[in-house]
Amino acid sequence: MSPLSPPRRCLFVLTAVLGLWACQKKPEGAAPPPPGQIFAATAPEGTSEDGGTAAPVFTRITVQSQGQATVLERQESTWRITAPVAARADKWTVDNLLRQLQSAKFKSTVTEAPTEADLQKYGLQPPVFSVTAQAYLPDASGGGQEAPDRQRTVTLQGGLENAFDGSVYVRREGDPRVYAADGAVRYALDKELYALREKEFLGVEEPPLKTLTVTAKAGGYTLEQDADKAWRFTKPSPLRADAAKVKKMLQSLREQRALAFPPDTPEERARLGLDKPLVEALFTLAEGAPVRVRLSRVEGAAGAPVYALREQGQEALLAQVPEAAAAVLLPGIPALRDTTVLAFRREDVKRLVFHGGPDVPSLTLEKTDLGTGPLDAWRVVSPQPGKARTGKVAALLKLLGTLKAAAVGAPAGKTWAAYGITPTSRGAVLLDADGRELARLSLGREVPGRGEHVYARGSGDELLEVEQARLAELPSRPEDVLEAPPTAPP
């Protein structure tokens, strides 16, 4: 290859210099730098001059959507709607909105200087929705809520969706540019009043609940919770209630979410039949005002919607709820009653007496110490003393504590003998350390037509039916529970 001539060498150097200059020079049509966060609280370095955090603490949010403005305010650690109504805010919806305000960024700048026609084309004149967020920037100690120089306010206007990539056109007040933001921004921020309101309103927490009285044409009842968290019916008659089933019923009531919030006026309540409700419930709490819930059904050509009115003190909330809500508190007493045959605390049992029936010696066991563990040592006292098998006794206590009735009848009164239940019947007696009776199981004859069941009497006065198969493990001889003697060496 021949060396370049001087003129060509000069031309080559000049071309290289011009190319380098062209690469370094910003073209007039080049895209602007990334636009950054939607809610810019501080400079990009992320801290204020006094060392405070860059993360803003939002205090007030105004959402304009579907022609209505909804105002949310932080009150201590929760958010409440203060306009156009006073109500609890939906925590999940508000948290999602705040996450987008704190972290969302513009994807790109669509146009630097939009015209009126551009704004209309992007759905920003007028905007489809807008959000005004007020916040303060905490100082190094976490304060600054009242400091004027730490306040920040941003209004974001949202427009149409870009059908190409699902992004949304947005504009920030005070900034002429039109930006593109991720579609998740619109999903989180474009919320009308119903979406922002808390939909769960019928629930009453179980721990502070003392009594529940339900009045209905289909039959009412009163439930009472004692100090041991056990539930029992006091009306229409004293009965043990199944705590798990009561808890499930209360949980089901809590899950009945509002479908709509009609205006709460005396005229509207009367129109919806709440002056003569289908179901009325009164929840009495350990502390605070009682909660009154009324449910009504409005028959019409379009269906039979159900409405609920919840009142506590000076607060009241009216809402349309799912039709299933009308039946939640009316499962029927048989469905809520406790079918556990014996009611006792396993750790209180220190002595067991098993009756094998007439002419069969009773089998008596007692704990050898005062421990409360399920595997504590037991011994047979009579008729043949000896060490009892720990696992066997634990299994017997579990059986007696979990035995369920297949059917529950009315109290038998003085007619127990007619069902084969007498003082000498087969069964078991559980006693505490002082010899006080904790529970007694008495078994009678077979149920006619149901040979796999026998009549029984447990902790209540009701006539029960229990499966014979569950009773096969009850001991009747000492060898059923005694430890086997050691094997003699060969």
Protein backbone atom coordinates (compact mmCIF):
# COMPACT_ATOMS: atom_id res chain seq x y z
CA MET A 1 0.00 0.00 0.00
CA SER A 2 1.49 3.38 -1.07
CA PRO A 3 1.73 6.18 1.48
CA LEU A 4 -0.88 8.95 1.32
CA SER A 5 0.08 12.10 -0.48
CA PRO A 6 0.21 15.30 1.61
CA PRO A 7 -3.12 16.63 0.25
CA ARG A 8 -4.87 13.34 0.92
CA ARG A 9 -3.31 13.13 4.38
CA CYS A 10 -4.71 16.58 5.25
CA LEU A 11 -8.15 15.59 3.94
CA PHE A 12 -8.14 12.41 6.07
CA VAL A 13 -7.24 14.31 9.26
CA LEU A 14 -9.90 16.95 8.60
CA THR A 15 -12.55 14.28 8.05
CA ALA A 16 -11.66 12.56 11.34
CA VAL A 17 -11.83 15.83 13.30
CA LEU A 18 -15.21 16.75 11.81
CA GLY A 19 -16.55 13.26 12.58
CA LEU A 20 -15.44 13.49 16.21
CA TRP A 21 -17.02 16.94 16.56
CA ALA A 22 -20.26 15.66 15.03
CA CYS A 23 -20.43 12.78 17.49
CA GLN A 24 -19.94 15.07 20.47
CA LYS A 25 -22.44 17.71 19.36
CA LYS A 26 -26.09 17.14 20.51
CA PRO A 27 -28.39 17.03 17.47
CA GLU A 28 -31.21 19.52 17.51
CA GLY A 29 -33.80 16.73 17.23
CA ALA A 30 -32.28 14.45 19.88
CA ALA A 31 -34.55 13.05 22.61
CA PRO A 32 -34.44 14.88 25.96
CA PRO A 33 -32.94 13.15 29.00
CA PRO A 34 -35.14 10.73 30.95
CA PRO A 35 -37.92 12.75 32.65
CA GLY A 36 -37.60 11.07 36.07
CA GLN A 37 -40.15 10.37 38.81
CA ILE A 38 -43.75 11.48 38.73
CA PHE A 39 -43.59 12.82 42.28
CA ALA A 40 -40.17 14.48 42.54
CA ALA A 41 -39.76 15.44 46.18
CA THR A 42 -36.06 16.36 46.15
CA ALA A 43 -33.12 16.68 43.87
CA PRO A 44 -31.86 13.48 42.18
CA GLU A 45 -29.24 12.88 44.86
CA GLY A 46 -32.08 11.84 47.18
CA THR A 47 -31.46 13.79 50.41
CA SER A 48 -32.32 17.28 51.56
CA GLU A 49 -29.82 19.80 52.83
CA ASP A 50 -30.38 18.87 56.48
CA GLY A 51 -29.91 15.16 55.85
CA GLY A 52 -33.60 14.25 55.76
CA THR A 53 -34.93 11.39 53.69
CA ALA A 54 -36.06 11.84 50.11
CA ALA A 55 -39.13 9.62 50.62
CA PRO A 56 -42.19 11.87 50.96
CA VAL A 57 -44.91 11.24 53.53
CA PHE A 58 -48.27 11.77 51.88
CA THR A 59 -50.93 13.52 53.94
CA ARG A 60 -53.73 14.37 51.51
CA ILE A 61 -54.79 12.98 48.13
CA THR A 62 -57.49 14.38 45.85
CA VAL A 63 -58.61 12.08 43.04
CA GLN A 64 -60.77 13.49 40.24
CA SER A 65 -62.40 10.69 38.24
CA GLN A 66 -65.67 10.26 36.38
CA GLY A 67 -66.66 13.84 37.12
CA GLN A 68 -66.33 13.53 40.92
CA ALA A 69 -63.58 14.55 43.32
CA THR A 70 -62.70 12.26 46.22
CA VAL A 71 -60.54 13.60 49.04
CA LEU A 72 -58.47 11.26 51.20
CA GLU A 73 -56.62 12.34 54.34
CA ARG A 74 -54.14 10.52 56.51
CA GLN A 75 -55.40 10.33 60.09
CA GLU A 76 -52.66 8.92 62.29
CA SER A 77 -51.77 5.60 60.62
CA THR A 78 -54.92 5.15 58.52
CA TRP A 79 -56.51 6.83 55.53
CA ARG A 80 -60.08 8.10 55.51
CA ILE A 81 -62.27 9.67 52.86
CA THR A 82 -63.35 13.15 53.95
CA ALA A 83 -65.25 14.29 50.83
CA PRO A 84 -67.79 13.96 49.31
CA VAL A 85 -68.65 11.60 52.20
CA ALA A 86 -66.95 10.65 55.44
CA ALA A 87 -65.97 6.99 55.23
CA ARG A 88 -63.14 4.51 55.67
CA ALA A 89 -60.81 4.14 52.71
CA ASP A 90 -59.96 0.82 51.11
CA LYS A 91 -56.47 0.05 52.42
CA TRP A 92 -55.30 -2.04 49.47
CA THR A 93 -56.44 0.54 46.89
CA VAL A 94 -54.87 3.47 48.74
CA ASP A 95 -51.62 1.58 49.36
CA ASN A 96 -51.38 0.78 45.65
CA LEU A 97 -52.03 4.42 44.77
CA LEU A 98 -49.31 5.60 47.17
CA ARG A 99 -46.82 3.07 45.83
CA GLN A 100 -47.25 4.46 42.33
CA LEU A 101 -46.87 8.04 43.53
CA GLN A 102 -43.68 7.13 45.41
CA SER A 103 -41.99 5.02 42.75
CA ALA A 104 -43.56 5.49 39.31
CA LYS A 105 -41.47 7.17 36.61
CA PHE A 106 -42.30 8.66 33.25
CA LYS A 107 -41.39 6.28 30.43
CA SER A 108 -40.67 8.99 27.89
CA THR A 109 -41.43 12.53 26.80
CA VAL A 110 -44.09 12.51 24.08
CA THR A 111 -43.89 16.19 23.21
CA GLU A 112 -42.11 19.20 24.71
CA ALA A 113 -44.57 21.89 23.69
CA PRO A 114 -48.02 20.45 22.97
CA THR A 115 -50.67 22.49 21.24
CA GLU A 116 -54.33 22.59 22.25
CA ALA A 117 -55.01 20.07 19.50
CA ASP A 118 -52.29 17.80 20.90
CA LEU A 119 -53.79 17.94 24.40
CA GLN A 120 -57.21 17.02 23.05
CA LYS A 121 -55.71 14.19 21.00
CA TYR A 122 -54.00 12.74 24.09
CA GLY A 123 -57.13 13.08 26.25
CA LEU A 124 -55.61 15.79 28.42
CA GLN A 125 -57.94 18.65 27.52
CA PRO A 126 -59.90 18.02 29.65
CA PRO A 127 -58.04 15.21 31.45
CA VAL A 128 -59.63 11.80 31.92
CA PHE A 129 -58.52 11.84 35.56
CA SER A 130 -56.26 13.84 37.84
CA VAL A 131 -54.55 13.28 41.17
CA THR A 132 -53.28 16.01 43.48
CA ALA A 133 -50.90 14.63 46.09
CA GLN A 134 -49.77 16.63 49.10
CA ALA A 135 -46.82 15.43 51.17
CA TYR A 136 -44.04 16.63 53.40
CA LEU A 137 -40.39 15.72 53.30
CA PRO A 138 -39.28 14.45 56.75
CA ASP A 139 -36.20 15.99 58.29
CA ALA A 140 -33.36 13.93 59.76
CA SER A 141 -35.42 13.24 62.92
CA GLY A 142 -38.56 12.26 61.00
CA GLY A 143 -40.42 15.51 61.72
CA GLY A 144 -41.28 18.43 59.50
CA GLN A 145 -44.97 17.81 58.94
CA GLU A 146 -45.85 21.41 59.81
CA ALA A 147 -42.79 23.10 58.25
CA PRO A 148 -43.88 25.15 55.20
CA ASP A 149 -40.55 24.67 53.42
CA ARG A 150 -40.91 20.89 53.58
CA GLN A 151 -44.31 20.71 51.90
CA ARG A 152 -44.59 19.27 48.40
CA THR A 153 -47.63 19.22 46.10
CA VAL A 154 -47.89 17.57 42.69
CA THR A 155 -50.93 17.41 40.41
CA LEU A 156 -50.85 14.73 37.74
CA GLN A 157 -53.33 14.77 34.88
CA GLY A 158 -54.04 11.52 33.07
CA GLY A 159 -55.30 11.11 29.53
CA LEU A 160 -56.01 8.36 27.05
CA GLU A 161 -54.35 4.99 26.78
CA ASN A 162 -51.84 4.35 24.03
CA ALA A 163 -53.30 1.34 22.24
CA PHE A 164 -49.86 0.37 20.94
CA ASP A 165 -48.17 -0.41 24.28
CA GLY A 166 -50.84 0.16 26.95
CA SER A 167 -49.12 3.25 28.35
CA VAL A 168 -51.08 6.33 29.38
CA TYR A 169 -50.51 9.95 28.41
CA VAL A 170 -49.91 12.16 31.44
CA ARG A 171 -49.04 15.74 32.25
CA ARG A 172 -47.76 17.35 35.43
CA GLU A 173 -49.18 20.69 36.54
CA GLY A 174 -46.67 23.48 35.93
CA ASP A 175 -44.86 21.43 33.29
CA PRO A 176 -45.98 21.95 29.66
CA ARG A 177 -44.65 18.57 28.46
CA VAL A 178 -46.75 15.50 27.73
CA TYR A 179 -45.25 12.28 29.03
CA ALA A 180 -45.96 8.59 28.67
CA ALA A 181 -46.34 6.53 31.85
CA ASP A 182 -46.81 2.83 32.42
CA GLY A 183 -50.39 1.56 32.28
CA ALA A 184 -50.13 0.55 35.95
CA VAL A 185 -50.13 4.26 36.83
CA ARG A 186 -53.59 4.71 35.36
CA TYR A 187 -54.86 1.52 37.00
CA ALA A 188 -53.72 2.74 40.43
CA LEU A 189 -54.65 6.43 40.15
CA ASP A 190 -57.85 6.53 38.09
CA LYS A 191 -60.21 5.57 40.94
CA GLU A 192 -63.72 6.84 41.58
CA LEU A 193 -65.40 7.08 44.98
CA TYR A 194 -66.71 3.51 45.16
CA ALA A 195 -63.30 2.03 44.31
CA LEU A 196 -61.66 4.09 47.06
CA ARG A 197 -64.19 3.19 49.78
CA GLU A 198 -63.76 0.29 52.17
CA LYS A 199 -66.22 -2.44 51.16
CA GLU A 200 -66.01 -4.52 54.35
CA PHE A 201 -68.32 -2.96 56.90
CA LEU A 202 -70.44 -5.70 58.49
CA GLY A 203 -67.70 -7.47 60.41
CA VAL A 204 -67.42 -7.49 64.19
CA GLU A 205 -64.20 -8.83 65.68
CA GLU A 206 -64.73 -11.93 67.83
CA PRO A 207 -62.48 -11.23 70.87
CA PRO A 208 -64.36 -8.11 72.12
CA LEU A 209 -67.74 -9.63 71.25
CA LYS A 210 -69.77 -10.69 74.29
CA THR A 211 -73.26 -11.47 73.00
CA LEU A 212 -75.03 -11.76 69.66
CA THR A 213 -78.81 -11.55 69.48
CA VAL A 214 -80.46 -12.32 66.15
CA THR A 215 -84.13 -11.59 65.50
CA ALA A 216 -85.83 -12.97 62.39
CA LYS A 217 -89.10 -14.47 61.23
CA ALA A 218 -87.24 -17.69 60.51
CA GLY A 219 -86.22 -17.97 64.16
CA GLY A 220 -83.98 -16.00 66.47
CA TYR A 221 -81.39 -16.83 69.08
CA THR A 222 -78.89 -15.33 71.52
CA LEU A 223 -75.27 -16.42 71.74
CA GLU A 224 -72.96 -15.56 74.62
CA GLN A 225 -69.18 -15.88 74.82
CA ASP A 226 -67.63 -16.64 78.21
CA ALA A 227 -64.17 -15.87 79.57
CA ASP A 228 -62.77 -19.12 78.13
CA LYS A 229 -63.84 -18.06 74.59
CA ALA A 230 -66.50 -20.78 74.61
CA TRP A 231 -69.86 -19.96 73.01
CA ARG A 232 -73.25 -21.06 74.26
CA PHE A 233 -76.87 -20.37 73.41
CA THR A 234 -78.89 -18.63 76.10
CA LYS A 235 -82.06 -18.35 73.97
CA PRO A 236 -84.30 -20.02 72.98
CA SER A 237 -82.79 -22.62 75.34
CA PRO A 238 -79.40 -23.17 77.00
CA LEU A 239 -77.14 -25.11 74.64
CA ARG A 240 -73.43 -25.37 73.95
CA ALA A 241 -72.44 -23.79 70.64
CA ASP A 242 -69.57 -24.87 68.41
CA ALA A 243 -66.95 -22.12 68.69
CA ALA A 244 -65.41 -22.96 65.31
CA LYS A 245 -68.79 -22.73 63.59
CA VAL A 246 -69.62 -19.42 65.27
CA LYS A 247 -66.24 -18.04 64.22
CA LYS A 248 -66.85 -19.19 60.65
CA MET A 249 -70.27 -17.50 60.64
CA LEU A 250 -68.78 -14.21 61.85
CA GLN A 251 -66.03 -14.48 59.24
CA SER A 252 -68.64 -15.05 56.53
CA LEU A 253 -70.50 -11.93 57.66
CA ARG A 254 -67.25 -9.93 57.51
CA GLU A 255 -66.68 -11.10 53.92
CA GLN A 256 -70.00 -9.71 52.64
CA ARG A 257 -68.65 -6.71 50.76
CA ALA A 258 -70.67 -3.68 49.75
CA LEU A 259 -71.78 -3.68 46.11
CA ALA A 260 -73.05 -0.09 46.15
CA PHE A 261 -73.64 2.76 48.59
CA PRO A 262 -77.11 4.29 48.14
CA PRO A 263 -77.87 7.63 49.83
CA ASP A 264 -78.62 7.15 53.52
CA THR A 265 -81.81 9.10 54.22
CA PRO A 266 -84.91 8.24 56.28
CA GLU A 267 -86.91 8.00 53.06
CA GLU A 268 -84.39 5.63 51.47
CA ARG A 269 -84.29 3.42 54.56
CA ALA A 270 -88.08 3.13 54.52
CA ARG A 271 -88.13 2.42 50.77
CA LEU A 272 -85.61 -0.39 51.27
CA GLY A 273 -87.68 -1.95 54.06
CA LEU A 274 -85.12 -1.40 56.81
CA ASP A 275 -87.83 -0.23 59.22
CA LYS A 276 -89.17 -3.83 59.07
CA PRO A 277 -85.99 -5.81 58.44
CA LEU A 278 -85.74 -9.40 57.32
CA VAL A 279 -82.95 -9.99 59.87
CA GLU A 280 -81.79 -7.83 62.77
CA ALA A 281 -78.66 -8.50 64.82
CA LEU A 282 -77.35 -6.79 67.93
CA PHE A 283 -73.66 -7.27 68.78
CA THR A 284 -72.75 -6.36 72.37
CA LEU A 285 -69.05 -5.68 72.89
CA ALA A 286 -66.87 -5.81 75.98
CA GLU A 287 -66.15 -2.11 75.45
CA GLY A 288 -67.79 0.55 73.35
CA ALA A 289 -71.23 1.02 71.87
CA PRO A 290 -73.12 -2.03 70.60
CA VAL A 291 -73.36 -2.69 66.86
CA ARG A 292 -76.78 -3.00 65.25
CA VAL A 293 -77.12 -4.60 61.81
CA ARG A 294 -80.36 -4.71 59.82
CA LEU A 295 -80.82 -6.64 56.58
CA SER A 296 -83.70 -6.27 54.12
CA ARG A 297 -84.66 -7.65 50.72
CA VAL A 298 -86.43 -5.59 48.05
CA GLU A 299 -88.46 -7.67 45.62
CA GLY A 300 -88.60 -6.28 42.09
CA ALA A 301 -88.78 -7.15 38.43
CA ALA A 302 -84.99 -6.99 38.15
CA GLY A 303 -84.37 -9.29 41.11
CA ALA A 304 -84.33 -9.15 44.90
CA PRO A 305 -81.33 -7.09 46.03
CA VAL A 306 -80.35 -7.19 49.69
CA TYR A 307 -79.45 -4.10 51.70
CA ALA A 308 -77.66 -3.78 55.03
CA LEU A 309 -77.59 -0.96 57.54
CA ARG A 310 -74.85 -0.98 60.17
CA GLU A 311 -75.14 1.39 63.13
CA GLN A 312 -72.77 1.98 66.03
CA GLY A 313 -73.06 5.05 68.20
CA GLN A 314 -73.44 8.07 65.91
CA GLU A 315 -72.06 6.25 62.86
CA ALA A 316 -74.27 4.57 60.28
CA LEU A 317 -73.53 2.98 56.91
CA LEU A 318 -76.04 1.81 54.31
CA ALA A 319 -75.00 -0.47 51.45
CA GLN A 320 -76.24 -3.02 48.98
CA VAL A 321 -74.71 -6.42 49.75
CA PRO A 322 -74.72 -9.85 48.07
CA GLU A 323 -78.01 -11.73 48.33
CA ALA A 324 -76.28 -14.46 50.34
CA ALA A 325 -75.73 -11.97 53.18
CA ALA A 326 -79.37 -12.31 54.24
CA ALA A 327 -78.82 -15.93 55.28
CA VAL A 328 -75.39 -15.67 56.93
CA LEU A 329 -76.75 -15.15 60.46
CA LEU A 330 -79.50 -17.76 60.02
CA PRO A 331 -77.74 -21.10 59.60
CA GLY A 332 -80.11 -22.64 62.15
CA ILE A 333 -79.43 -23.60 65.74
CA PRO A 334 -78.72 -27.26 64.83
CA ALA A 335 -75.96 -26.08 62.50
CA LEU A 336 -74.32 -23.97 65.23
CA ARG A 337 -74.75 -26.19 68.26
CA ASP A 338 -71.75 -28.04 69.61
CA THR A 339 -72.04 -31.76 68.87
CA THR A 340 -69.01 -32.61 71.01
CA VAL A 341 -70.27 -35.23 73.46
CA LEU A 342 -68.08 -34.29 76.44
CA ALA A 343 -66.94 -30.83 77.50
CA PHE A 344 -63.76 -30.82 79.59
CA ARG A 345 -60.18 -29.57 79.61
CA ARG A 346 -57.78 -32.42 79.11
CA GLU A 347 -55.18 -30.97 81.46
CA ASP A 348 -57.70 -31.00 84.34
CA VAL A 349 -58.30 -34.75 84.17
CA LYS A 350 -56.45 -36.60 86.97
CA ARG A 351 -58.64 -39.68 87.32
CA LEU A 352 -60.50 -41.88 84.84
CA VAL A 353 -63.19 -44.46 85.63
CA PHE A 354 -64.42 -46.76 82.86
CA HIS A 355 -67.66 -48.68 83.37
CA GLY A 356 -68.06 -51.86 81.34
CA GLY A 357 -71.74 -52.28 82.13
CA PRO A 358 -73.71 -54.29 84.73
CA ASP A 359 -71.73 -56.98 86.56
CA VAL A 360 -68.43 -55.73 85.08
CA PRO A 361 -65.91 -54.28 87.59
CA SER A 362 -65.08 -50.63 86.97
CA LEU A 363 -61.61 -49.84 85.68
CA THR A 364 -60.01 -46.92 87.53
CA LEU A 365 -56.87 -45.03 86.46
CA GLU A 366 -55.16 -42.05 88.02
CA LYS A 367 -52.16 -39.86 87.34
CA THR A 368 -49.04 -40.62 89.31
CA ASP A 369 -48.10 -36.90 89.55
CA LEU A 370 -49.77 -33.51 89.21
CA GLY A 371 -48.31 -32.69 85.79
CA THR A 372 -50.51 -31.41 82.98
CA GLY A 373 -48.77 -32.94 79.97
CA PRO A 374 -50.68 -35.40 77.77
CA LEU A 375 -47.96 -38.04 78.20
CA ASP A 376 -47.71 -37.88 82.00
CA ALA A 377 -47.51 -41.24 83.77
CA TRP A 378 -50.73 -43.03 84.70
CA ARG A 379 -51.40 -46.14 86.74
CA VAL A 380 -54.27 -48.56 87.10
CA VAL A 381 -55.74 -48.39 90.61
CA SER A 382 -58.36 -51.14 90.32
CA PRO A 383 -59.31 -53.88 89.82
CA GLN A 384 -55.69 -54.84 89.09
CA PRO A 385 -53.01 -52.30 90.10
CA GLY A 386 -50.17 -51.66 87.72
CA LYS A 387 -48.51 -49.16 85.42
CA ALA A 388 -50.71 -47.99 82.55
CA ARG A 389 -49.51 -47.54 78.99
CA THR A 390 -48.94 -43.81 78.55
CA GLY A 391 -49.78 -43.79 74.85
CA LYS A 392 -52.99 -45.71 75.43
CA VAL A 393 -54.23 -43.26 78.07
CA ALA A 394 -53.35 -40.29 75.85
CA ALA A 395 -55.33 -41.88 73.00
CA LEU A 396 -58.32 -42.45 75.30
CA LEU A 397 -58.32 -38.82 76.44
CA LYS A 398 -58.15 -37.67 72.83
CA LEU A 399 -61.04 -39.97 71.91
CA LEU A 400 -63.22 -38.72 74.76
CA GLY A 401 -62.38 -35.08 73.98
CA THR A 402 -63.14 -35.30 70.25
CA LEU A 403 -66.12 -37.66 70.28
CA LYS A 404 -68.94 -36.11 68.23
CA ALA A 405 -72.63 -36.95 68.17
CA ALA A 406 -74.03 -38.05 64.82
CA ALA A 407 -77.44 -36.73 65.89
CA VAL A 408 -78.71 -34.56 68.73
CA GLY A 409 -82.24 -34.89 70.06
CA ALA A 410 -84.29 -33.13 72.70
CA PRO A 411 -83.52 -33.42 76.42
CA ALA A 412 -84.64 -36.87 77.61
CA GLY A 413 -85.70 -35.68 81.06
CA LYS A 414 -86.79 -38.65 83.17
CA THR A 415 -86.93 -41.09 80.25
CA TRP A 416 -83.24 -42.00 79.99
CA ALA A 417 -83.93 -45.59 81.00
CA ALA A 418 -86.14 -46.00 77.94
CA TYR A 419 -82.99 -45.60 75.85
CA GLY A 420 -80.95 -48.03 77.93
CA ILE A 421 -79.12 -45.29 79.83
CA THR A 422 -78.99 -46.12 83.55
CA PRO A 423 -76.53 -45.62 86.44
CA THR A 424 -74.93 -48.98 85.56
CA SER A 425 -74.57 -48.29 81.84
CA ARG A 426 -71.31 -48.67 79.99
CA GLY A 427 -69.36 -45.41 79.85
CA ALA A 428 -66.66 -43.26 81.42
CA VAL A 429 -66.28 -40.69 84.18
CA LEU A 430 -63.56 -37.99 84.20
CA LEU A 431 -62.54 -36.41 87.52
CA ASP A 432 -60.09 -33.73 88.67
CA ALA A 433 -57.46 -33.91 91.43
CA ASP A 434 -60.09 -33.25 94.12
CA GLY A 435 -62.42 -35.95 92.85
CA ARG A 436 -64.89 -33.51 91.27
CA GLU A 437 -66.67 -34.85 88.22
CA LEU A 438 -65.63 -33.03 85.04
CA ALA A 439 -67.65 -35.04 82.52
CA ARG A 440 -69.58 -38.30 82.25
CA LEU A 441 -70.33 -40.49 79.24
CA SER A 442 -73.21 -42.97 79.49
CA LEU A 443 -74.00 -45.35 76.64
CA GLY A 444 -77.39 -46.97 76.00
CA ARG A 445 -78.92 -49.43 73.57
CA GLU A 446 -78.69 -49.45 69.79
CA VAL A 447 -80.71 -46.90 67.85
CA PRO A 448 -83.58 -48.72 66.06
CA GLY A 449 -82.92 -48.93 62.34
CA ARG A 450 -79.38 -47.62 62.82
CA GLY A 451 -77.47 -50.54 64.27
CA GLU A 452 -74.14 -48.76 63.86
CA HIS A 453 -75.25 -46.11 66.38
CA VAL A 454 -76.11 -46.20 70.09
CA TYR A 455 -77.91 -43.74 72.33
CA ALA A 456 -75.68 -41.70 74.62
CA ARG A 457 -75.70 -38.99 77.24
CA GLY A 458 -72.81 -36.56 77.56
CA SER A 459 -72.18 -33.20 79.20
CA GLY A 460 -75.60 -31.85 78.21
CA ASP A 461 -79.14 -33.07 78.78
CA GLU A 462 -79.81 -33.86 75.12
CA LEU A 463 -80.30 -37.40 73.85
CA LEU A 464 -77.36 -38.18 71.55
CA GLU A 465 -76.58 -40.77 68.93
CA VAL A 466 -72.93 -41.80 68.52
CA GLU A 467 -71.18 -44.24 66.22
CA GLN A 468 -70.34 -47.57 67.83
CA ALA A 469 -67.11 -47.75 65.83
CA ARG A 470 -65.75 -44.72 67.71
CA LEU A 471 -66.34 -46.50 71.03
CA ALA A 472 -64.45 -49.70 70.24
CA GLU A 473 -61.30 -48.42 71.97
CA LEU A 474 -62.96 -47.87 75.35
CA PRO A 475 -61.33 -50.33 77.80
CA SER A 476 -63.29 -52.80 79.89
CA ARG A 477 -60.44 -54.98 81.30
CA PRO A 478 -57.18 -54.08 83.07
CA GLU A 479 -55.11 -55.73 80.33
CA ASP A 480 -56.57 -53.22 77.85
CA VAL A 481 -54.46 -50.46 79.44
CA LEU A 482 -51.78 -52.18 81.55
CA GLU A 483 -48.20 -52.26 80.37
CA ALA A 484 -47.15 -55.73 79.31
CA PRO A 485 -44.90 -57.46 81.86
CA PRO A 486 -41.23 -57.71 80.89
CA THR A 487 -40.36 -60.78 78.86
CA ALA A 488 -38.46 -63.40 80.85
CA PRO A 489 -34.96 -64.15 79.54
CA PRO A 490 -34.63 -67.47 77.71
